[in-house]
Amino acid sequence: MAIKYSEQVMEHFRNPRNVGELDNPDGVGEVGNPSCGDIMTFYIKVKDDKIDDVKFMTFGCGAAIAVSSMISELAKGKPVDEAEAITNKSVAEALGGLPKNKMHCSNLGADALRAAILSYKEKVAKKLDKPPAIKVDPGHDDEEEESKFCHCPYCDIENPADAPFCNKCGKPLSEDKK
């Protein structure tokens, strides 16, 4: 059975926006899913706390390319915190929907953008000599929030606790290494 894509998905697949790399990016985020072969890398430039420019390189299926293209358009010109809040659901909606078996592509794209933003925030925090500001839901205490994250044993980037693979290097996060 053939997969049916929306016109928006096909347009972004055929004519992806913002493809490429940025020289001297302020943040870089790479995620991959070894089970499907999709790998996405996002590069961002930030000016006055807004995403001034964004580029991506994606190795994957048509849905992965369309998702990356749409995320780059949704993020460009937005304040960093607003771009960080882009979700897989908002990307899928902007693309006119994705088949259920391709929703993981929108998760990867949103994760890659957030990884690039985290990379940027870490650079800024290092310059200021303080920890990066990571969004935390109000009403959750710090101890509860810490249990939602784990560090990759290979590259030491913070990942969601339930992530099967590292958002940066794509290596598996086994329970005993979290």
N, C-alpha and C. Protein backbone atom coordinates (compact mmCIF):
# COMPACT_ATOMS: atom_id res chain seq x y z
N MET A 1 0.84 -1.18 0.00
CA MET A 1 0.00 0.00 0.00
C MET A 1 0.89 1.25 0.00
N ALA A 2 0.62 2.18 -0.87
CA ALA A 2 1.39 3.41 -0.99
C ALA A 2 1.03 4.38 0.14
N ILE A 3 2.04 5.11 0.61
CA ILE A 3 1.82 6.12 1.65
C ILE A 3 1.30 7.38 0.99
N LYS A 4 0.26 7.95 1.56
CA LYS A 4 -0.35 9.18 1.02
C LYS A 4 0.16 10.37 1.83
N TYR A 5 0.79 11.32 1.14
CA TYR A 5 1.30 12.53 1.78
C TYR A 5 0.47 13.73 1.35
N SER A 6 0.41 14.72 2.23
CA SER A 6 -0.30 15.96 1.91
C SER A 6 0.49 16.75 0.86
N GLU A 7 -0.17 17.73 0.25
CA GLU A 7 0.49 18.60 -0.72
C GLU A 7 1.65 19.36 -0.07
N GLN A 8 1.46 19.80 1.20
CA GLN A 8 2.51 20.54 1.90
C GLN A 8 3.75 19.67 2.08
N VAL A 9 3.56 18.39 2.46
CA VAL A 9 4.70 17.49 2.62
C VAL A 9 5.42 17.34 1.29
N MET A 10 4.67 17.11 0.23
CA MET A 10 5.29 16.93 -1.08
C MET A 10 6.02 18.20 -1.54
N GLU A 11 5.45 19.36 -1.27
CA GLU A 11 6.10 20.62 -1.66
C GLU A 11 7.42 20.80 -0.91
N HIS A 12 7.42 20.54 0.40
CA HIS A 12 8.66 20.70 1.18
C HIS A 12 9.68 19.61 0.84
N PHE A 13 9.22 18.45 0.40
CA PHE A 13 10.14 17.41 -0.02
C PHE A 13 10.77 17.77 -1.36
N ARG A 14 9.95 18.22 -2.29
CA ARG A 14 10.45 18.56 -3.63
C ARG A 14 11.30 19.84 -3.64
N ASN A 15 10.92 20.79 -2.79
CA ASN A 15 11.60 22.09 -2.75
C ASN A 15 11.94 22.46 -1.30
N PRO A 16 12.84 21.72 -0.67
CA PRO A 16 13.15 22.00 0.73
C PRO A 16 13.78 23.38 0.90
N ARG A 17 13.38 24.05 1.96
CA ARG A 17 13.90 25.38 2.29
C ARG A 17 15.05 25.25 3.29
N ASN A 18 15.99 26.16 3.22
CA ASN A 18 17.05 26.31 4.21
C ASN A 18 17.98 25.10 4.32
N VAL A 19 18.24 24.42 3.22
CA VAL A 19 19.15 23.28 3.22
C VAL A 19 20.58 23.78 3.22
N GLY A 20 21.43 23.14 3.98
CA GLY A 20 22.85 23.48 3.99
C GLY A 20 23.39 23.61 5.39
N GLU A 21 24.59 24.13 5.46
CA GLU A 21 25.27 24.35 6.74
C GLU A 21 25.53 25.85 6.89
N LEU A 22 25.66 26.29 8.13
CA LEU A 22 26.02 27.68 8.41
C LEU A 22 27.48 27.74 8.84
N ASP A 23 28.19 28.74 8.37
CA ASP A 23 29.54 28.98 8.86
C ASP A 23 29.46 29.53 10.27
N ASN A 24 30.26 29.02 11.15
CA ASN A 24 30.32 29.48 12.54
C ASN A 24 28.93 29.57 13.17
N PRO A 25 28.19 28.46 13.22
CA PRO A 25 26.85 28.51 13.82
C PRO A 25 26.95 28.76 15.32
N ASP A 26 25.89 29.35 15.86
CA ASP A 26 25.81 29.56 17.31
C ASP A 26 25.38 28.29 18.03
N GLY A 27 24.70 27.41 17.31
CA GLY A 27 24.27 26.14 17.88
C GLY A 27 24.13 25.08 16.81
N VAL A 28 24.46 23.84 17.16
CA VAL A 28 24.33 22.71 16.25
C VAL A 28 23.67 21.58 17.01
N GLY A 29 22.68 20.96 16.39
CA GLY A 29 22.01 19.81 17.00
C GLY A 29 21.86 18.71 15.99
N GLU A 30 22.28 17.51 16.38
CA GLU A 30 22.15 16.36 15.48
C GLU A 30 21.45 15.23 16.20
N VAL A 31 20.48 14.65 15.55
CA VAL A 31 19.80 13.47 16.08
C VAL A 31 19.69 12.44 14.98
N GLY A 32 19.57 11.21 15.40
CA GLY A 32 19.42 10.14 14.44
C GLY A 32 18.61 9.01 15.02
N ASN A 33 18.01 8.25 14.13
CA ASN A 33 17.25 7.08 14.54
C ASN A 33 17.78 5.91 13.72
N PRO A 34 18.67 5.12 14.32
CA PRO A 34 19.27 4.01 13.59
C PRO A 34 18.26 3.01 13.04
N SER A 35 17.10 2.89 13.69
CA SER A 35 16.13 1.90 13.22
C SER A 35 15.51 2.28 11.88
N CYS A 36 15.40 3.59 11.58
CA CYS A 36 14.82 3.98 10.29
C CYS A 36 15.85 4.64 9.37
N GLY A 37 17.02 4.98 9.90
CA GLY A 37 18.08 5.54 9.07
C GLY A 37 18.05 7.05 8.91
N ASP A 38 17.09 7.74 9.54
CA ASP A 38 17.01 9.20 9.42
C ASP A 38 18.04 9.86 10.34
N ILE A 39 18.78 10.82 9.80
CA ILE A 39 19.73 11.62 10.58
C ILE A 39 19.51 13.07 10.20
N MET A 40 19.32 13.93 11.20
CA MET A 40 19.07 15.35 10.96
C MET A 40 20.05 16.19 11.76
N THR A 41 20.60 17.19 11.11
CA THR A 41 21.48 18.14 11.78
C THR A 41 20.95 19.54 11.51
N PHE A 42 20.74 20.31 12.57
CA PHE A 42 20.28 21.69 12.46
C PHE A 42 21.39 22.62 12.92
N TYR A 43 21.53 23.73 12.21
CA TYR A 43 22.51 24.78 12.52
C TYR A 43 21.72 26.07 12.71
N ILE A 44 22.01 26.79 13.79
CA ILE A 44 21.30 28.06 14.02
C ILE A 44 22.27 29.20 14.28
N LYS A 45 21.85 30.38 13.86
CA LYS A 45 22.50 31.65 14.20
C LYS A 45 21.47 32.43 15.00
N VAL A 46 21.91 33.01 16.09
CA VAL A 46 21.01 33.76 16.97
C VAL A 46 21.48 35.20 17.03
N LYS A 47 20.52 36.11 16.90
CA LYS A 47 20.81 37.54 17.01
C LYS A 47 19.68 38.17 17.82
N ASP A 48 20.03 38.93 18.84
CA ASP A 48 19.04 39.58 19.70
C ASP A 48 18.01 38.59 20.23
N ASP A 49 18.49 37.42 20.63
CA ASP A 49 17.69 36.35 21.22
C ASP A 49 16.61 35.81 20.26
N LYS A 50 16.85 35.94 18.95
CA LYS A 50 15.95 35.39 17.94
C LYS A 50 16.76 34.50 17.00
N ILE A 51 16.10 33.49 16.45
CA ILE A 51 16.75 32.63 15.45
C ILE A 51 16.86 33.46 14.18
N ASP A 52 18.05 33.96 13.92
CA ASP A 52 18.29 34.83 12.77
C ASP A 52 18.40 34.02 11.48
N ASP A 53 19.01 32.84 11.59
CA ASP A 53 19.13 31.97 10.43
C ASP A 53 19.16 30.53 10.91
N VAL A 54 18.67 29.64 10.07
CA VAL A 54 18.65 28.21 10.39
C VAL A 54 18.85 27.44 9.09
N LYS A 55 19.68 26.44 9.17
CA LYS A 55 19.92 25.53 8.04
C LYS A 55 19.87 24.11 8.58
N PHE A 56 19.66 23.18 7.65
CA PHE A 56 19.65 21.78 8.07
C PHE A 56 20.26 20.91 6.99
N MET A 57 20.74 19.77 7.43
CA MET A 57 21.19 18.69 6.55
C MET A 57 20.47 17.44 7.05
N THR A 58 19.72 16.80 6.18
CA THR A 58 18.97 15.61 6.56
C THR A 58 19.28 14.47 5.61
N PHE A 59 19.57 13.33 6.19
CA PHE A 59 19.71 12.10 5.44
C PHE A 59 18.53 11.24 5.86
N GLY A 60 17.59 11.04 4.96
CA GLY A 60 16.43 10.25 5.33
C GLY A 60 15.37 10.26 4.25
N CYS A 61 14.21 9.81 4.64
CA CYS A 61 13.08 9.68 3.72
C CYS A 61 12.49 11.06 3.38
N GLY A 62 11.55 11.05 2.45
CA GLY A 62 10.90 12.29 2.03
C GLY A 62 10.22 13.01 3.19
N ALA A 63 9.60 12.26 4.10
CA ALA A 63 8.94 12.89 5.25
C ALA A 63 9.97 13.58 6.14
N ALA A 64 11.13 12.96 6.34
CA ALA A 64 12.18 13.56 7.17
C ALA A 64 12.68 14.87 6.56
N ILE A 65 12.83 14.90 5.25
CA ILE A 65 13.28 16.12 4.57
C ILE A 65 12.20 17.20 4.67
N ALA A 66 10.94 16.82 4.45
CA ALA A 66 9.85 17.79 4.55
C ALA A 66 9.73 18.35 5.96
N VAL A 67 9.86 17.48 6.96
CA VAL A 67 9.79 17.92 8.36
C VAL A 67 10.92 18.91 8.66
N SER A 68 12.14 18.60 8.23
CA SER A 68 13.28 19.50 8.47
C SER A 68 13.06 20.85 7.81
N SER A 69 12.56 20.83 6.59
CA SER A 69 12.29 22.07 5.87
C SER A 69 11.24 22.91 6.60
N MET A 70 10.15 22.28 7.02
CA MET A 70 9.09 23.00 7.72
C MET A 70 9.58 23.55 9.06
N ILE A 71 10.32 22.76 9.81
CA ILE A 71 10.84 23.23 11.10
C ILE A 71 11.74 24.44 10.88
N SER A 72 12.56 24.41 9.84
CA SER A 72 13.44 25.56 9.60
C SER A 72 12.63 26.82 9.33
N GLU A 73 11.52 26.68 8.61
CA GLU A 73 10.66 27.84 8.35
C GLU A 73 9.93 28.30 9.61
N LEU A 74 9.47 27.34 10.42
CA LEU A 74 8.75 27.70 11.65
C LEU A 74 9.68 28.40 12.65
N ALA A 75 10.95 28.01 12.67
CA ALA A 75 11.89 28.55 13.66
C ALA A 75 12.50 29.90 13.26
N LYS A 76 12.70 30.11 11.97
CA LYS A 76 13.40 31.31 11.49
C LYS A 76 12.65 32.58 11.90
N GLY A 77 13.38 33.48 12.56
CA GLY A 77 12.81 34.76 12.98
C GLY A 77 12.10 34.73 14.33
N LYS A 78 11.97 33.54 14.91
CA LYS A 78 11.26 33.41 16.19
C LYS A 78 12.23 33.63 17.35
N PRO A 79 11.71 34.14 18.48
CA PRO A 79 12.55 34.17 19.69
C PRO A 79 13.00 32.75 20.03
N VAL A 80 14.16 32.61 20.62
CA VAL A 80 14.73 31.30 20.92
C VAL A 80 13.75 30.44 21.72
N ASP A 81 13.15 31.01 22.77
CA ASP A 81 12.23 30.22 23.59
C ASP A 81 11.00 29.76 22.81
N GLU A 82 10.54 30.58 21.89
CA GLU A 82 9.39 30.19 21.06
C GLU A 82 9.78 29.08 20.08
N ALA A 83 10.95 29.19 19.50
CA ALA A 83 11.43 28.14 18.59
C ALA A 83 11.65 26.84 19.35
N GLU A 84 12.13 26.95 20.57
CA GLU A 84 12.37 25.76 21.40
C GLU A 84 11.06 25.02 21.71
N ALA A 85 9.96 25.73 21.67
CA ALA A 85 8.65 25.14 21.99
C ALA A 85 7.98 24.47 20.78
N ILE A 86 8.61 24.49 19.62
CA ILE A 86 8.04 23.82 18.44
C ILE A 86 7.97 22.32 18.74
N THR A 87 6.81 21.75 18.51
CA THR A 87 6.59 20.34 18.83
C THR A 87 6.38 19.52 17.56
N ASN A 88 6.47 18.22 17.72
CA ASN A 88 6.19 17.34 16.59
C ASN A 88 4.76 17.52 16.11
N LYS A 89 3.85 17.78 17.03
CA LYS A 89 2.45 17.98 16.66
C LYS A 89 2.28 19.25 15.81
N SER A 90 2.93 20.34 16.22
CA SER A 90 2.80 21.59 15.46
C SER A 90 3.43 21.46 14.07
N VAL A 91 4.51 20.69 13.96
CA VAL A 91 5.14 20.47 12.66
C VAL A 91 4.22 19.65 11.77
N ALA A 92 3.68 18.57 12.32
CA ALA A 92 2.77 17.72 11.54
C ALA A 92 1.55 18.51 11.08
N GLU A 93 1.01 19.35 11.95
CA GLU A 93 -0.14 20.18 11.57
C GLU A 93 0.23 21.16 10.46
N ALA A 94 1.39 21.79 10.57
CA ALA A 94 1.82 22.75 9.55
C ALA A 94 2.02 22.07 8.19
N LEU A 95 2.33 20.77 8.22
CA LEU A 95 2.52 20.02 6.98
C LEU A 95 1.23 19.39 6.48
N GLY A 96 0.12 19.69 7.13
CA GLY A 96 -1.16 19.10 6.71
C GLY A 96 -1.30 17.65 7.11
N GLY A 97 -0.53 17.24 8.12
CA GLY A 97 -0.59 15.88 8.64
C GLY A 97 0.51 15.00 8.09
N LEU A 98 0.83 13.99 8.86
CA LEU A 98 1.80 12.97 8.46
C LEU A 98 1.19 11.60 8.74
N PRO A 99 1.49 10.61 7.93
CA PRO A 99 1.02 9.27 8.25
C PRO A 99 1.60 8.83 9.60
N LYS A 100 0.85 8.02 10.34
CA LYS A 100 1.28 7.60 11.68
C LYS A 100 2.67 6.98 11.67
N ASN A 101 2.98 6.21 10.63
CA ASN A 101 4.28 5.57 10.60
C ASN A 101 5.42 6.53 10.23
N LYS A 102 5.10 7.80 10.00
CA LYS A 102 6.12 8.81 9.71
C LYS A 102 6.17 9.90 10.78
N MET A 103 5.36 9.79 11.83
CA MET A 103 5.37 10.81 12.89
C MET A 103 6.72 10.87 13.60
N HIS A 104 7.45 9.75 13.63
CA HIS A 104 8.76 9.78 14.27
C HIS A 104 9.68 10.79 13.60
N CYS A 105 9.46 11.07 12.32
CA CYS A 105 10.27 12.08 11.60
C CYS A 105 10.08 13.46 12.22
N SER A 106 8.83 13.78 12.58
CA SER A 106 8.59 15.09 13.18
C SER A 106 9.19 15.16 14.57
N ASN A 107 9.22 14.02 15.28
CA ASN A 107 9.88 14.01 16.59
C ASN A 107 11.37 14.28 16.43
N LEU A 108 11.99 13.63 15.46
CA LEU A 108 13.42 13.82 15.24
C LEU A 108 13.74 15.27 14.88
N GLY A 109 12.94 15.85 14.01
CA GLY A 109 13.19 17.23 13.60
C GLY A 109 13.08 18.20 14.77
N ALA A 110 12.02 18.05 15.56
CA ALA A 110 11.85 18.93 16.73
C ALA A 110 12.99 18.71 17.72
N ASP A 111 13.42 17.45 17.89
CA ASP A 111 14.53 17.15 18.80
C ASP A 111 15.84 17.76 18.30
N ALA A 112 16.07 17.72 16.98
CA ALA A 112 17.30 18.28 16.42
C ALA A 112 17.34 19.79 16.61
N LEU A 113 16.21 20.46 16.41
CA LEU A 113 16.17 21.90 16.63
C LEU A 113 16.43 22.21 18.10
N ARG A 114 15.77 21.48 19.01
CA ARG A 114 15.99 21.71 20.45
C ARG A 114 17.45 21.44 20.83
N ALA A 115 18.06 20.43 20.22
CA ALA A 115 19.47 20.15 20.50
C ALA A 115 20.36 21.31 20.04
N ALA A 116 20.04 21.92 18.90
CA ALA A 116 20.80 23.08 18.42
C ALA A 116 20.62 24.26 19.38
N ILE A 117 19.41 24.44 19.86
CA ILE A 117 19.14 25.53 20.81
C ILE A 117 19.87 25.28 22.13
N LEU A 118 19.86 24.03 22.59
CA LEU A 118 20.59 23.70 23.82
C LEU A 118 22.08 23.95 23.63
N SER A 119 22.60 23.59 22.46
CA SER A 119 24.01 23.83 22.15
C SER A 119 24.32 25.33 22.24
N TYR A 120 23.43 26.14 21.67
CA TYR A 120 23.58 27.60 21.73
C TYR A 120 23.56 28.08 23.19
N LYS A 121 22.56 27.61 23.95
CA LYS A 121 22.44 28.04 25.35
C LYS A 121 23.65 27.63 26.18
N GLU A 122 24.20 26.45 25.88
CA GLU A 122 25.40 26.02 26.60
C GLU A 122 26.59 26.93 26.29
N LYS A 123 26.72 27.36 25.03
CA LYS A 123 27.79 28.29 24.66
C LYS A 123 27.64 29.62 25.39
N VAL A 124 26.41 30.13 25.41
CA VAL A 124 26.15 31.40 26.10
C VAL A 124 26.44 31.26 27.58
N ALA A 125 25.97 30.17 28.19
CA ALA A 125 26.18 29.95 29.62
C ALA A 125 27.66 29.83 29.95
N LYS A 126 28.41 29.17 29.07
CA LYS A 126 29.85 29.02 29.29
C LYS A 126 30.53 30.39 29.29
N LYS A 127 30.10 31.25 28.35
CA LYS A 127 30.66 32.61 28.29
C LYS A 127 30.34 33.39 29.55
N LEU A 128 29.13 33.17 30.09
CA LEU A 128 28.69 33.87 31.29
C LEU A 128 29.10 33.15 32.56
N ASP A 129 29.69 31.95 32.41
CA ASP A 129 30.11 31.12 33.53
C ASP A 129 28.94 30.77 34.46
N LYS A 130 27.83 30.34 33.86
CA LYS A 130 26.70 29.85 34.65
C LYS A 130 25.98 28.78 33.85
N PRO A 131 25.19 27.93 34.51
CA PRO A 131 24.52 26.84 33.79
C PRO A 131 23.48 27.37 32.81
N PRO A 132 23.24 26.61 31.71
CA PRO A 132 22.25 27.07 30.72
C PRO A 132 20.84 27.05 31.28
N ALA A 133 20.04 28.01 30.81
CA ALA A 133 18.64 28.07 31.23
C ALA A 133 17.87 27.05 30.41
N ILE A 134 17.35 26.04 31.08
CA ILE A 134 16.56 25.01 30.42
C ILE A 134 15.13 25.17 30.89
N LYS A 135 14.21 25.14 29.93
CA LYS A 135 12.80 25.32 30.28
C LYS A 135 12.34 24.23 31.23
N VAL A 136 11.69 24.65 32.31
CA VAL A 136 11.13 23.73 33.29
C VAL A 136 9.67 24.10 33.49
N ASP A 137 8.80 23.10 33.51
CA ASP A 137 7.39 23.37 33.76
C ASP A 137 7.21 23.90 35.17
N PRO A 138 6.44 25.00 35.35
CA PRO A 138 6.16 25.46 36.70
C PRO A 138 5.33 24.39 37.40
N GLY A 139 5.53 24.27 38.70
CA GLY A 139 4.77 23.28 39.45
C GLY A 139 5.53 21.98 39.63
N HIS A 140 6.70 21.85 39.02
CA HIS A 140 7.53 20.67 39.21
C HIS A 140 8.75 21.07 40.01
N ASP A 141 9.10 20.26 41.02
CA ASP A 141 10.30 20.60 41.76
C ASP A 141 11.52 20.10 41.00
N ASP A 142 12.70 20.61 41.37
CA ASP A 142 13.92 20.30 40.65
C ASP A 142 14.25 18.81 40.67
N GLU A 143 14.02 18.14 41.81
CA GLU A 143 14.34 16.73 41.90
C GLU A 143 13.49 15.92 40.92
N GLU A 144 12.20 16.24 40.83
CA GLU A 144 11.32 15.56 39.90
C GLU A 144 11.75 15.85 38.46
N GLU A 145 12.17 17.09 38.20
CA GLU A 145 12.59 17.47 36.85
C GLU A 145 13.87 16.75 36.45
N GLU A 146 14.82 16.59 37.40
CA GLU A 146 16.07 15.92 37.09
C GLU A 146 15.84 14.49 36.65
N SER A 147 14.83 13.82 37.20
CA SER A 147 14.58 12.42 36.85
C SER A 147 14.04 12.28 35.42
N LYS A 148 13.71 13.39 34.76
CA LYS A 148 13.21 13.35 33.40
C LYS A 148 14.34 13.38 32.37
N PHE A 149 15.59 13.49 32.84
CA PHE A 149 16.73 13.60 31.94
C PHE A 149 17.80 12.58 32.29
N CYS A 150 18.60 12.24 31.31
CA CYS A 150 19.77 11.41 31.53
C CYS A 150 20.89 11.95 30.65
N HIS A 151 22.11 11.58 30.98
CA HIS A 151 23.27 12.03 30.20
C HIS A 151 23.78 10.87 29.36
N CYS A 152 24.13 11.17 28.14
CA CYS A 152 24.69 10.17 27.24
C CYS A 152 26.09 9.81 27.74
N PRO A 153 26.40 8.51 27.88
CA PRO A 153 27.73 8.12 28.35
C PRO A 153 28.82 8.33 27.30
N TYR A 154 28.43 8.59 26.06
CA TYR A 154 29.41 8.76 24.99
C TYR A 154 29.78 10.21 24.76
N CYS A 155 28.79 11.10 24.75
CA CYS A 155 29.10 12.52 24.47
C CYS A 155 28.65 13.44 25.60
N ASP A 156 28.03 12.90 26.64
CA ASP A 156 27.63 13.61 27.85
C ASP A 156 26.62 14.73 27.61
N ILE A 157 25.78 14.60 26.59
CA ILE A 157 24.71 15.57 26.37
C ILE A 157 23.48 15.11 27.15
N GLU A 158 22.68 16.04 27.63
CA GLU A 158 21.46 15.71 28.36
C GLU A 158 20.37 15.31 27.37
N ASN A 159 19.66 14.22 27.68
CA ASN A 159 18.59 13.67 26.85
C ASN A 159 17.37 13.41 27.72
N PRO A 160 16.18 13.34 27.13
CA PRO A 160 15.01 12.93 27.90
C PRO A 160 15.25 11.52 28.45
N ALA A 161 14.81 11.26 29.67
CA ALA A 161 15.06 9.98 30.34
C ALA A 161 14.52 8.80 29.55
N ASP A 162 13.44 9.00 28.81
CA ASP A 162 12.84 7.89 28.08
C ASP A 162 13.37 7.77 26.64
N ALA A 163 14.36 8.57 26.28
CA ALA A 163 14.91 8.51 24.91
C ALA A 163 15.71 7.23 24.73
N PRO A 164 15.44 6.48 23.66
CA PRO A 164 16.21 5.26 23.42
C PRO A 164 17.60 5.54 22.87
N PHE A 165 17.76 6.71 22.19
CA PHE A 165 19.04 7.07 21.58
C PHE A 165 19.40 8.50 21.94
N CYS A 166 20.69 8.79 21.96
CA CYS A 166 21.17 10.14 22.24
C CYS A 166 20.77 11.10 21.13
N ASN A 167 20.30 12.28 21.51
CA ASN A 167 19.89 13.30 20.54
C ASN A 167 21.08 13.87 19.77
N LYS A 168 22.29 13.74 20.30
CA LYS A 168 23.45 14.31 19.62
C LYS A 168 24.19 13.26 18.78
N CYS A 169 24.61 12.16 19.43
CA CYS A 169 25.44 11.20 18.71
C CYS A 169 24.65 10.01 18.15
N GLY A 170 23.39 9.84 18.58
CA GLY A 170 22.55 8.77 18.04
C GLY A 170 22.83 7.40 18.61
N LYS A 171 23.75 7.32 19.58
CA LYS A 171 24.07 6.01 20.17
C LYS A 171 22.99 5.62 21.18
N PRO A 172 22.78 4.30 21.38
CA PRO A 172 21.74 3.85 22.29
C PRO A 172 22.01 4.26 23.73
N LEU A 173 20.95 4.61 24.44
CA LEU A 173 21.03 4.95 25.85
C LEU A 173 20.43 3.78 26.63
N SER A 174 21.28 2.85 27.04
CA SER A 174 20.76 1.70 27.78
C SER A 174 20.48 2.10 29.21
N GLU A 175 19.58 1.37 29.84
CA GLU A 175 19.14 1.69 31.21
C GLU A 175 20.31 1.74 32.18
N ASP A 176 21.29 0.83 32.02
CA ASP A 176 22.39 0.79 32.98
C ASP A 176 23.37 1.94 32.81
N LYS A 177 23.31 2.68 31.67
CA LYS A 177 24.23 3.79 31.43
C LYS A 177 23.62 5.15 31.69
N LYS A 178 22.33 5.19 32.07
CA LYS A 178 21.67 6.47 32.34
C LYS A 178 22.07 6.92 33.70
